[in-house]
Amino acid sequence: QVQLVESGGGLVLPGGSLRLSCGASGITFSNWGMNWYRQGPGKERELVAGITSACGSTNYADSVKGRFTISRDNAKNTVYLQMNSLKPEDTAVYYCNARRYSLGAWGQGTQVTVSS
């Protein structure tokens, strides 16, 4: 059974930084693509960043390019999202997602609030 557990969310001032982590179990982690999604208040869930299983290629939503960095540590079965220069509009619940072909799994989410 796939289990994804996010951590690292919290309250941060505009311009601040946070690093989210997502630990995976129940899968051969290195074989799965990993993604971070977010869902802000009154908004639909959107893809923030993704990293492939094979070569670790990354992709980002335009709204976070240059500010967020996704990375993975296959030895620790963990994917990270480093978030810098945070803005109030980054406030959302952030979800970790694992994907392999037609299979997918979600974490429970972690709240990120950017506010002064």
N, C-alpha and C. Protein backbone atom coordinates (compact mmCIF):
# COMPACT_ATOMS: atom_id res chain seq x y z
N GLN A 1 0.85 -1.18 0.00
CA GLN A 1 0.00 0.00 0.00
C GLN A 1 0.89 1.23 0.00
N VAL A 2 0.59 2.13 -0.94
CA VAL A 2 1.39 3.34 -1.07
C VAL A 2 0.99 4.32 0.03
N GLN A 3 1.98 4.89 0.66
CA GLN A 3 1.72 5.92 1.66
C GLN A 3 2.66 7.09 1.41
N LEU A 4 2.09 8.28 1.35
CA LEU A 4 2.85 9.51 1.18
C LEU A 4 2.55 10.43 2.36
N VAL A 5 3.59 10.92 3.00
CA VAL A 5 3.41 11.77 4.17
C VAL A 5 4.18 13.07 3.97
N GLU A 6 3.43 14.18 3.91
CA GLU A 6 4.05 15.50 3.73
C GLU A 6 4.36 16.13 5.09
N SER A 7 5.35 16.98 5.09
CA SER A 7 5.68 17.76 6.28
C SER A 7 6.36 19.04 5.84
N GLY A 8 6.47 19.99 6.78
CA GLY A 8 7.21 21.21 6.50
C GLY A 8 6.36 22.45 6.26
N GLY A 9 5.05 22.29 6.24
CA GLY A 9 4.20 23.46 6.05
C GLY A 9 4.17 24.34 7.28
N GLY A 10 3.54 25.51 7.12
CA GLY A 10 3.43 26.41 8.25
C GLY A 10 3.09 27.81 7.81
N LEU A 11 3.26 28.74 8.76
CA LEU A 11 3.00 30.16 8.52
C LEU A 11 4.32 30.87 8.27
N VAL A 12 4.38 31.64 7.21
CA VAL A 12 5.62 32.34 6.86
C VAL A 12 5.28 33.74 6.35
N LEU A 13 6.19 34.66 6.58
CA LEU A 13 6.01 36.02 6.10
C LEU A 13 6.24 36.11 4.60
N PRO A 14 5.60 37.04 3.93
CA PRO A 14 5.91 37.25 2.50
C PRO A 14 7.41 37.48 2.32
N GLY A 15 7.94 36.84 1.28
CA GLY A 15 9.37 36.90 1.03
C GLY A 15 10.16 35.81 1.72
N GLY A 16 9.52 35.07 2.59
CA GLY A 16 10.20 34.01 3.31
C GLY A 16 10.31 32.72 2.53
N SER A 17 10.85 31.70 3.21
CA SER A 17 11.09 30.40 2.58
C SER A 17 10.56 29.27 3.44
N LEU A 18 10.20 28.20 2.78
CA LEU A 18 9.84 26.95 3.45
C LEU A 18 10.34 25.80 2.58
N ARG A 19 10.62 24.66 3.23
CA ARG A 19 10.92 23.46 2.48
C ARG A 19 9.95 22.37 2.89
N LEU A 20 9.20 21.90 1.92
CA LEU A 20 8.28 20.79 2.14
C LEU A 20 9.00 19.48 1.84
N SER A 21 8.63 18.46 2.59
CA SER A 21 9.15 17.11 2.37
C SER A 21 7.99 16.14 2.22
N CYS A 22 8.21 15.10 1.44
CA CYS A 22 7.21 14.05 1.28
C CYS A 22 7.94 12.71 1.30
N GLY A 23 7.68 11.94 2.34
CA GLY A 23 8.26 10.62 2.45
C GLY A 23 7.31 9.57 1.91
N ALA A 24 7.86 8.64 1.13
CA ALA A 24 7.04 7.61 0.50
C ALA A 24 7.39 6.23 1.04
N SER A 25 6.38 5.39 1.15
CA SER A 25 6.58 3.99 1.51
C SER A 25 5.62 3.14 0.70
N GLY A 26 5.96 1.86 0.59
CA GLY A 26 5.09 0.94 -0.13
C GLY A 26 5.31 0.90 -1.62
N ILE A 27 6.31 1.65 -2.11
CA ILE A 27 6.63 1.66 -3.54
C ILE A 27 8.14 1.61 -3.72
N THR A 28 8.55 1.22 -4.92
CA THR A 28 9.95 1.37 -5.29
C THR A 28 10.09 2.80 -5.77
N PHE A 29 10.49 3.65 -4.85
CA PHE A 29 10.39 5.10 -5.04
C PHE A 29 11.06 5.57 -6.31
N SER A 30 12.21 5.02 -6.62
CA SER A 30 12.98 5.51 -7.77
C SER A 30 12.27 5.28 -9.10
N ASN A 31 11.26 4.42 -9.10
CA ASN A 31 10.52 4.12 -10.33
C ASN A 31 9.32 5.02 -10.56
N TRP A 32 9.05 5.91 -9.63
CA TRP A 32 7.84 6.73 -9.69
C TRP A 32 8.19 8.19 -9.93
N GLY A 33 7.42 8.81 -10.82
CA GLY A 33 7.48 10.25 -10.94
C GLY A 33 6.81 10.88 -9.72
N MET A 34 7.32 12.01 -9.30
CA MET A 34 6.79 12.67 -8.10
C MET A 34 6.39 14.10 -8.44
N ASN A 35 5.30 14.54 -7.85
CA ASN A 35 4.77 15.87 -8.13
C ASN A 35 4.31 16.55 -6.85
N TRP A 36 4.30 17.86 -6.91
CA TRP A 36 3.66 18.67 -5.87
C TRP A 36 2.50 19.43 -6.52
N TYR A 37 1.33 19.33 -5.91
CA TYR A 37 0.16 20.08 -6.30
C TYR A 37 -0.21 21.01 -5.15
N ARG A 38 -1.06 21.97 -5.43
CA ARG A 38 -1.59 22.81 -4.37
C ARG A 38 -3.03 23.18 -4.68
N GLN A 39 -3.76 23.46 -3.61
CA GLN A 39 -5.14 23.92 -3.75
C GLN A 39 -5.36 25.08 -2.80
N GLY A 40 -5.51 26.27 -3.37
CA GLY A 40 -5.75 27.46 -2.58
C GLY A 40 -7.22 27.62 -2.26
N PRO A 41 -7.54 28.53 -1.36
CA PRO A 41 -8.93 28.76 -0.97
C PRO A 41 -9.80 29.12 -2.18
N GLY A 42 -10.84 28.35 -2.40
CA GLY A 42 -11.75 28.63 -3.50
C GLY A 42 -11.19 28.34 -4.87
N LYS A 43 -10.07 27.64 -4.93
CA LYS A 43 -9.44 27.36 -6.23
C LYS A 43 -9.39 25.86 -6.48
N GLU A 44 -9.16 25.50 -7.74
CA GLU A 44 -8.97 24.12 -8.09
C GLU A 44 -7.53 23.69 -7.80
N ARG A 45 -7.36 22.40 -7.61
CA ARG A 45 -6.01 21.88 -7.39
C ARG A 45 -5.19 22.06 -8.66
N GLU A 46 -3.95 22.52 -8.49
CA GLU A 46 -3.09 22.76 -9.65
C GLU A 46 -1.71 22.14 -9.44
N LEU A 47 -1.10 21.75 -10.54
CA LEU A 47 0.25 21.20 -10.51
C LEU A 47 1.25 22.33 -10.28
N VAL A 48 2.10 22.17 -9.30
CA VAL A 48 3.12 23.17 -8.98
C VAL A 48 4.46 22.78 -9.60
N ALA A 49 4.87 21.54 -9.39
CA ALA A 49 6.17 21.08 -9.88
C ALA A 49 6.18 19.56 -9.97
N GLY A 50 6.99 19.04 -10.88
CA GLY A 50 7.12 17.61 -11.05
C GLY A 50 8.55 17.23 -11.33
N ILE A 51 8.90 15.99 -10.97
CA ILE A 51 10.23 15.47 -11.24
C ILE A 51 10.08 14.03 -11.69
N THR A 52 10.76 13.68 -12.78
CA THR A 52 10.61 12.34 -13.34
C THR A 52 11.39 11.31 -12.54
N SER A 53 11.06 10.05 -12.82
CA SER A 53 11.73 8.96 -12.11
C SER A 53 13.10 8.66 -12.69
N ALA A 54 13.20 8.73 -14.00
CA ALA A 54 14.41 8.26 -14.66
C ALA A 54 15.58 9.23 -14.51
N CYS A 55 15.47 10.34 -15.20
CA CYS A 55 16.62 11.26 -15.23
C CYS A 55 16.43 12.45 -14.32
N GLY A 56 15.32 12.50 -13.61
CA GLY A 56 15.11 13.60 -12.69
C GLY A 56 14.83 14.92 -13.36
N SER A 57 14.27 14.88 -14.56
CA SER A 57 13.89 16.12 -15.21
C SER A 57 12.76 16.78 -14.43
N THR A 58 12.77 18.10 -14.43
CA THR A 58 11.79 18.83 -13.64
C THR A 58 10.93 19.74 -14.52
N ASN A 59 9.77 20.06 -14.02
CA ASN A 59 8.91 21.04 -14.68
C ASN A 59 8.18 21.82 -13.60
N TYR A 60 7.81 23.05 -13.94
CA TYR A 60 7.21 23.96 -12.97
C TYR A 60 6.05 24.73 -13.58
N ALA A 61 5.11 25.08 -12.73
CA ALA A 61 4.08 26.03 -13.13
C ALA A 61 4.74 27.38 -13.34
N ASP A 62 4.22 28.15 -14.29
CA ASP A 62 4.81 29.45 -14.57
C ASP A 62 4.83 30.34 -13.33
N SER A 63 3.82 30.18 -12.49
CA SER A 63 3.69 31.06 -11.33
C SER A 63 4.79 30.85 -10.28
N VAL A 64 5.50 29.72 -10.36
CA VAL A 64 6.52 29.44 -9.34
C VAL A 64 7.93 29.32 -9.92
N LYS A 65 8.06 29.41 -11.24
CA LYS A 65 9.38 29.29 -11.85
C LYS A 65 10.32 30.33 -11.30
N GLY A 66 11.53 29.87 -10.97
CA GLY A 66 12.53 30.77 -10.43
C GLY A 66 12.44 30.96 -8.92
N ARG A 67 11.35 30.49 -8.31
CA ARG A 67 11.18 30.63 -6.86
C ARG A 67 11.15 29.27 -6.15
N PHE A 68 10.59 28.27 -6.81
CA PHE A 68 10.46 26.93 -6.21
C PHE A 68 11.41 25.96 -6.90
N THR A 69 11.89 25.00 -6.12
CA THR A 69 12.75 23.95 -6.66
C THR A 69 12.30 22.60 -6.13
N ILE A 70 12.03 21.67 -7.03
CA ILE A 70 11.70 20.31 -6.64
C ILE A 70 12.94 19.45 -6.77
N SER A 71 13.12 18.54 -5.82
CA SER A 71 14.24 17.62 -5.87
C SER A 71 13.83 16.31 -5.20
N ARG A 72 14.63 15.29 -5.42
CA ARG A 72 14.31 14.00 -4.82
C ARG A 72 15.58 13.32 -4.33
N ASP A 73 15.44 12.53 -3.28
CA ASP A 73 16.53 11.73 -2.74
C ASP A 73 16.04 10.29 -2.74
N ASN A 74 16.43 9.53 -3.74
CA ASN A 74 15.92 8.17 -3.88
C ASN A 74 16.41 7.26 -2.74
N ALA A 75 17.54 7.58 -2.14
CA ALA A 75 18.03 6.78 -1.02
C ALA A 75 17.15 6.96 0.22
N LYS A 76 16.50 8.11 0.31
CA LYS A 76 15.64 8.40 1.47
C LYS A 76 14.15 8.29 1.14
N ASN A 77 13.84 7.91 -0.11
CA ASN A 77 12.43 7.82 -0.54
C ASN A 77 11.68 9.11 -0.27
N THR A 78 12.31 10.22 -0.57
CA THR A 78 11.75 11.52 -0.23
C THR A 78 11.86 12.49 -1.39
N VAL A 79 10.82 13.27 -1.57
CA VAL A 79 10.82 14.37 -2.53
C VAL A 79 10.64 15.67 -1.75
N TYR A 80 11.30 16.71 -2.23
CA TYR A 80 11.30 18.00 -1.55
C TYR A 80 10.74 19.09 -2.46
N LEU A 81 10.24 20.14 -1.83
CA LEU A 81 9.88 21.34 -2.56
C LEU A 81 10.44 22.52 -1.77
N GLN A 82 11.50 23.11 -2.29
CA GLN A 82 12.06 24.31 -1.69
C GLN A 82 11.34 25.51 -2.25
N MET A 83 10.75 26.30 -1.37
CA MET A 83 9.94 27.44 -1.79
C MET A 83 10.57 28.71 -1.24
N ASN A 84 11.01 29.57 -2.13
CA ASN A 84 11.62 30.85 -1.76
C ASN A 84 10.77 32.00 -2.26
N SER A 85 11.04 33.18 -1.72
CA SER A 85 10.32 34.39 -2.13
C SER A 85 8.82 34.16 -2.14
N LEU A 86 8.32 33.61 -1.06
CA LEU A 86 6.91 33.25 -1.00
C LEU A 86 6.02 34.49 -1.03
N LYS A 87 4.87 34.31 -1.67
CA LYS A 87 3.90 35.38 -1.82
C LYS A 87 2.57 34.95 -1.18
N PRO A 88 1.74 35.91 -0.82
CA PRO A 88 0.43 35.53 -0.25
C PRO A 88 -0.37 34.61 -1.15
N GLU A 89 -0.20 34.76 -2.45
CA GLU A 89 -0.96 33.90 -3.37
C GLU A 89 -0.44 32.47 -3.42
N ASP A 90 0.66 32.20 -2.74
CA ASP A 90 1.14 30.82 -2.61
C ASP A 90 0.42 30.08 -1.49
N THR A 91 -0.39 30.79 -0.73
CA THR A 91 -1.14 30.16 0.35
C THR A 91 -2.05 29.07 -0.20
N ALA A 92 -1.89 27.86 0.34
CA ALA A 92 -2.65 26.71 -0.17
C ALA A 92 -2.32 25.49 0.68
N VAL A 93 -3.10 24.45 0.47
CA VAL A 93 -2.71 23.13 0.95
C VAL A 93 -1.88 22.49 -0.15
N TYR A 94 -0.70 22.03 0.19
CA TYR A 94 0.21 21.42 -0.77
C TYR A 94 0.17 19.91 -0.62
N TYR A 95 -0.02 19.24 -1.76
CA TYR A 95 -0.16 17.79 -1.78
C TYR A 95 0.98 17.16 -2.57
N CYS A 96 1.48 16.08 -2.04
CA CYS A 96 2.46 15.25 -2.73
C CYS A 96 1.71 14.20 -3.55
N ASN A 97 2.21 13.93 -4.75
CA ASN A 97 1.59 12.96 -5.64
C ASN A 97 2.67 12.07 -6.24
N ALA A 98 2.40 10.77 -6.24
CA ALA A 98 3.28 9.81 -6.89
C ALA A 98 2.56 9.25 -8.11
N ARG A 99 3.29 9.10 -9.20
CA ARG A 99 2.65 8.64 -10.43
C ARG A 99 3.56 7.68 -11.18
N ARG A 100 2.95 6.57 -11.64
CA ARG A 100 3.66 5.61 -12.48
C ARG A 100 2.66 5.04 -13.46
N TYR A 101 2.80 5.36 -14.72
CA TYR A 101 1.84 4.99 -15.76
C TYR A 101 0.45 5.43 -15.33
N SER A 102 -0.50 4.52 -15.19
CA SER A 102 -1.86 4.89 -14.82
C SER A 102 -2.09 4.87 -13.31
N LEU A 103 -1.06 4.56 -12.57
CA LEU A 103 -1.19 4.48 -11.11
C LEU A 103 -0.84 5.82 -10.48
N GLY A 104 -1.53 6.14 -9.40
CA GLY A 104 -1.23 7.37 -8.69
C GLY A 104 -1.62 7.28 -7.24
N ALA A 105 -0.99 8.09 -6.42
CA ALA A 105 -1.28 8.14 -5.00
C ALA A 105 -1.08 9.56 -4.50
N TRP A 106 -1.81 9.90 -3.43
CA TRP A 106 -1.77 11.25 -2.87
C TRP A 106 -1.45 11.21 -1.39
N GLY A 107 -0.78 12.25 -0.94
CA GLY A 107 -0.61 12.46 0.48
C GLY A 107 -1.81 13.20 1.05
N GLN A 108 -1.76 13.46 2.35
CA GLN A 108 -2.90 14.10 3.02
C GLN A 108 -2.85 15.63 2.91
N GLY A 109 -1.73 16.15 2.51
CA GLY A 109 -1.59 17.59 2.35
C GLY A 109 -0.99 18.27 3.56
N THR A 110 -0.32 19.39 3.29
CA THR A 110 0.23 20.22 4.36
C THR A 110 -0.08 21.68 4.05
N GLN A 111 -0.52 22.40 5.06
CA GLN A 111 -0.96 23.79 4.86
C GLN A 111 0.23 24.73 4.84
N VAL A 112 0.26 25.60 3.83
CA VAL A 112 1.23 26.68 3.74
C VAL A 112 0.45 27.99 3.73
N THR A 113 0.76 28.85 4.67
CA THR A 113 0.10 30.15 4.76
C THR A 113 1.16 31.24 4.71
N VAL A 114 1.02 32.13 3.74
CA VAL A 114 1.95 33.24 3.57
C VAL A 114 1.20 34.52 3.92
N SER A 115 1.57 35.11 5.04
CA SER A 115 0.82 36.26 5.51
C SER A 115 1.68 37.07 6.47
N SER A 116 1.42 38.38 6.47
CA SER A 116 2.11 39.25 7.43
C SER A 116 1.22 39.47 8.64
